[in-house]
Amino acid sequence: MNPVEKLWSLFDQFKFEETADLFHDEFIMIWPQTRELIRGRKNFILLNLNYPGKWRCQIKKMVVEGDEISAEIHITDGNEVVICVGFYTLKDGKIWRGREFWPTPYDAPKGREEWVEF
């Protein structure tokens, strides 16, 4: 299991503290949509520990190319499903850099119903 698979597996089990060894000493996570940069494993773990609710995580698709990993993760609290699209870079076998996008679903524009399915 690669570090990204292990990360999301542990998050799914609410074992946030157990993810510490998966992160490189110079770990940085970037969330472009909110313009947040989380520096260091400690801050990232504490942020997730303090996030409200109990969220289950399931990787839907993962692509691994050397030290680069991309993944689509579906996260749910049982009522709402949130999608994360993450791009991760490994260094020394650990997660060194992450860039996660959390897109908000929206209704499709009107006028293209004949070409798409809902």
C-alpha atoms as a PDB file:
ATOM      1  CA  MET A   1       0.000   0.000   0.000  1.00  0.00           C
ATOM      2  CA  ASN A   2       1.488   3.358  -0.986  1.00  0.00           C
ATOM      3  CA  PRO A   3       1.496   6.280   1.519  1.00  0.00           C
ATOM      4  CA  VAL A   4      -1.537   7.980  -0.052  1.00  0.00           C
ATOM      5  CA  GLU A   5      -3.616   4.779   0.104  1.00  0.00           C
ATOM      6  CA  LYS A   6      -2.513   4.299   3.719  1.00  0.00           C
ATOM      7  CA  LEU A   7      -3.359   7.933   4.561  1.00  0.00           C
ATOM      8  CA  TRP A   8      -6.933   7.688   3.324  1.00  0.00           C
ATOM      9  CA  SER A   9      -7.377   4.249   4.880  1.00  0.00           C
ATOM     10  CA  LEU A  10      -6.344   5.596   8.283  1.00  0.00           C
ATOM     11  CA  PHE A  11      -8.504   8.716   7.859  1.00  0.00           C
ATOM     12  CA  ASP A  12     -11.429   6.402   7.060  1.00  0.00           C
ATOM     13  CA  GLN A  13     -10.804   4.683  10.404  1.00  0.00           C
ATOM     14  CA  PHE A  14     -10.475   8.044  12.265  1.00  0.00           C
ATOM     15  CA  LYS A  15      -6.841   7.156  13.124  1.00  0.00           C
ATOM     16  CA  PHE A  16      -5.433  10.585  12.338  1.00  0.00           C
ATOM     17  CA  GLU A  17      -2.466  10.422  14.727  1.00  0.00           C
ATOM     18  CA  GLU A  18      -1.315   7.178  13.115  1.00  0.00           C
ATOM     19  CA  THR A  19      -0.686   9.021   9.834  1.00  0.00           C
ATOM     20  CA  ALA A  20       2.317  10.971  11.198  1.00  0.00           C
ATOM     21  CA  ASP A  21       4.937   8.583   9.789  1.00  0.00           C
ATOM     22  CA  LEU A  22       3.449   8.905   6.288  1.00  0.00           C
ATOM     23  CA  PHE A  23       4.532  12.545   5.990  1.00  0.00           C
ATOM     24  CA  HIS A  24       7.963  13.830   5.069  1.00  0.00           C
ATOM     25  CA  ASP A  25       9.624  16.226   7.554  1.00  0.00           C
ATOM     26  CA  GLU A  26       9.113  19.046   5.016  1.00  0.00           C
ATOM     27  CA  PHE A  27       5.449  18.206   4.324  1.00  0.00           C
ATOM     28  CA  ILE A  28       3.202  20.907   2.857  1.00  0.00           C
ATOM     29  CA  MET A  29      -0.458  20.644   1.813  1.00  0.00           C
ATOM     30  CA  ILE A  30      -2.043  23.283  -0.417  1.00  0.00           C
ATOM     31  CA  TRP A  31      -5.788  23.827  -0.795  1.00  0.00           C
ATOM     32  CA  PRO A  32      -5.975  26.240  -3.770  1.00  0.00           C
ATOM     33  CA  GLN A  33      -9.710  26.929  -3.552  1.00  0.00           C
ATOM     34  CA  THR A  34      -9.480  28.388  -0.040  1.00  0.00           C
ATOM     35  CA  ARG A  35      -5.901  29.627  -0.503  1.00  0.00           C
ATOM     36  CA  GLU A  36      -4.734  27.671   2.557  1.00  0.00           C
ATOM     37  CA  LEU A  37      -1.264  26.240   3.025  1.00  0.00           C
ATOM     38  CA  ILE A  38      -0.825  23.704   5.816  1.00  0.00           C
ATOM     39  CA  ARG A  39       2.812  23.391   6.806  1.00  0.00           C
ATOM     40  CA  GLY A  40       3.936  20.304   8.670  1.00  0.00           C
ATOM     41  CA  ARG A  41       2.429  16.964   9.615  1.00  0.00           C
ATOM     42  CA  LYS A  42       1.398  18.207  13.063  1.00  0.00           C
ATOM     43  CA  ASN A  43      -0.786  21.012  11.679  1.00  0.00           C
ATOM     44  CA  PHE A  44      -2.342  18.742   9.067  1.00  0.00           C
ATOM     45  CA  ILE A  45      -3.169  16.050  11.618  1.00  0.00           C
ATOM     46  CA  LEU A  46      -4.590  18.556  14.131  1.00  0.00           C
ATOM     47  CA  LEU A  47      -6.680  20.217  11.417  1.00  0.00           C
ATOM     48  CA  ASN A  48      -8.232  16.863  10.524  1.00  0.00           C
ATOM     49  CA  LEU A  49      -8.653  15.795  14.158  1.00  0.00           C
ATOM     50  CA  ASN A  50     -10.640  18.955  14.819  1.00  0.00           C
ATOM     51  CA  TYR A  51     -12.795  18.837  11.697  1.00  0.00           C
ATOM     52  CA  PRO A  52     -16.437  18.364  12.757  1.00  0.00           C
ATOM     53  CA  GLY A  53     -18.292  15.128  12.111  1.00  0.00           C
ATOM     54  CA  LYS A  54     -17.326  11.561  11.306  1.00  0.00           C
ATOM     55  CA  TRP A  55     -16.382  11.236   7.665  1.00  0.00           C
ATOM     56  CA  ARG A  56     -15.778   7.973   5.811  1.00  0.00           C
ATOM     57  CA  CYS A  57     -13.271   7.983   2.952  1.00  0.00           C
ATOM     58  CA  GLN A  58     -13.084   5.831  -0.158  1.00  0.00           C
ATOM     59  CA  ILE A  59     -10.567   6.131  -2.980  1.00  0.00           C
ATOM     60  CA  LYS A  60     -12.460   5.829  -6.263  1.00  0.00           C
ATOM     61  CA  LYS A  61      -9.483   6.165  -8.605  1.00  0.00           C
ATOM     62  CA  MET A  62      -5.742   6.413  -8.170  1.00  0.00           C
ATOM     63  CA  VAL A  63      -2.921   6.895 -10.668  1.00  0.00           C
ATOM     64  CA  VAL A  64       0.680   6.307  -9.629  1.00  0.00           C
ATOM     65  CA  GLU A  65       3.569   7.450 -11.794  1.00  0.00           C
ATOM     66  CA  GLY A  66       6.870   7.132  -9.953  1.00  0.00           C
ATOM     67  CA  ASP A  67       6.770   9.549  -7.013  1.00  0.00           C
ATOM     68  CA  GLU A  68       3.624  11.278  -8.281  1.00  0.00           C
ATOM     69  CA  ILE A  69       0.180  10.067  -7.163  1.00  0.00           C
ATOM     70  CA  SER A  70      -3.215  11.453  -8.082  1.00  0.00           C
ATOM     71  CA  ALA A  71      -6.444  10.286  -6.505  1.00  0.00           C
ATOM     72  CA  GLU A  72     -10.184  10.882  -6.534  1.00  0.00           C
ATOM     73  CA  ILE A  73     -11.592  10.329  -3.064  1.00  0.00           C
ATOM     74  CA  HIS A  74     -15.254  10.291  -2.052  1.00  0.00           C
ATOM     75  CA  ILE A  75     -15.876  11.334   1.532  1.00  0.00           C
ATOM     76  CA  THR A  76     -19.229  11.064   3.296  1.00  0.00           C
ATOM     77  CA  ASP A  77     -20.765  11.646   6.687  1.00  0.00           C
ATOM     78  CA  GLY A  78     -23.748   9.498   5.685  1.00  0.00           C
ATOM     79  CA  ASN A  79     -25.755  12.472   4.440  1.00  0.00           C
ATOM     80  CA  GLU A  80     -23.441  14.461   2.226  1.00  0.00           C
ATOM     81  CA  VAL A  81     -20.839  13.197  -0.252  1.00  0.00           C
ATOM     82  CA  VAL A  82     -17.804  15.389  -0.828  1.00  0.00           C
ATOM     83  CA  ILE A  83     -15.223  14.755  -3.541  1.00  0.00           C
ATOM     84  CA  CYS A  84     -11.520  15.417  -3.139  1.00  0.00           C
ATOM     85  CA  VAL A  85      -9.159  15.423  -6.100  1.00  0.00           C
ATOM     86  CA  GLY A  86      -5.624  15.202  -4.769  1.00  0.00           C
ATOM     87  CA  PHE A  87      -2.181  15.372  -6.296  1.00  0.00           C
ATOM     88  CA  TYR A  88       0.657  14.131  -4.123  1.00  0.00           C
ATOM     89  CA  THR A  89       4.420  14.018  -4.495  1.00  0.00           C
ATOM     90  CA  LEU A  90       6.507  11.544  -2.524  1.00  0.00           C
ATOM     91  CA  LYS A  91      10.039  12.139  -1.310  1.00  0.00           C
ATOM     92  CA  ASP A  92      12.033   9.434   0.437  1.00  0.00           C
ATOM     93  CA  GLY A  93       8.906   7.245   0.276  1.00  0.00           C
ATOM     94  CA  LYS A  94       6.779   9.719   2.258  1.00  0.00           C
ATOM     95  CA  ILE A  95       4.171  12.328   1.314  1.00  0.00           C
ATOM     96  CA  TRP A  96       6.179  15.494   0.729  1.00  0.00           C
ATOM     97  CA  ARG A  97       3.720  17.752  -1.109  1.00  0.00           C
ATOM     98  CA  GLY A  98      -0.023  17.645  -1.535  1.00  0.00           C
ATOM     99  CA  ARG A  99      -2.442  19.746  -3.543  1.00  0.00           C
ATOM    100  CA  GLU A 100      -6.111  18.945  -2.928  1.00  0.00           C
ATOM    101  CA  PHE A 101      -9.147  20.342  -4.695  1.00  0.00           C
ATOM    102  CA  TRP A 102     -12.563  20.104  -3.037  1.00  0.00           C
ATOM    103  CA  PRO A 103     -15.012  20.948  -5.845  1.00  0.00           C
ATOM    104  CA  THR A 104     -18.519  22.020  -4.964  1.00  0.00           C
ATOM    105  CA  PRO A 105     -21.220  20.292  -7.030  1.00  0.00           C
ATOM    106  CA  TYR A 106     -23.579  22.510  -8.988  1.00  0.00           C
ATOM    107  CA  ASP A 107     -26.512  22.080 -11.344  1.00  0.00           C
ATOM    108  CA  ALA A 108     -25.707  21.624 -15.016  1.00  0.00           C
ATOM    109  CA  PRO A 109     -26.476  24.610 -17.237  1.00  0.00           C
ATOM    110  CA  LYS A 110     -29.821  24.498 -19.025  1.00  0.00           C
ATOM    111  CA  GLY A 111     -30.014  23.751 -22.726  1.00  0.00           C
ATOM    112  CA  ARG A 112     -27.865  20.659 -23.088  1.00  0.00           C
ATOM    113  CA  GLU A 113     -30.278  18.035 -21.758  1.00  0.00           C
ATOM    114  CA  GLU A 114     -30.495  16.213 -25.109  1.00  0.00           C
ATOM    115  CA  TRP A 115     -26.769  15.343 -24.992  1.00  0.00           C
ATOM    116  CA  VAL A 116     -26.260  14.364 -21.354  1.00  0.00           C
ATOM    117  CA  GLU A 117     -27.714  12.088 -18.707  1.00  0.00           C
ATOM    118  CA  PHE A 118     -28.524  12.998 -15.111  1.00  0.00           C
END
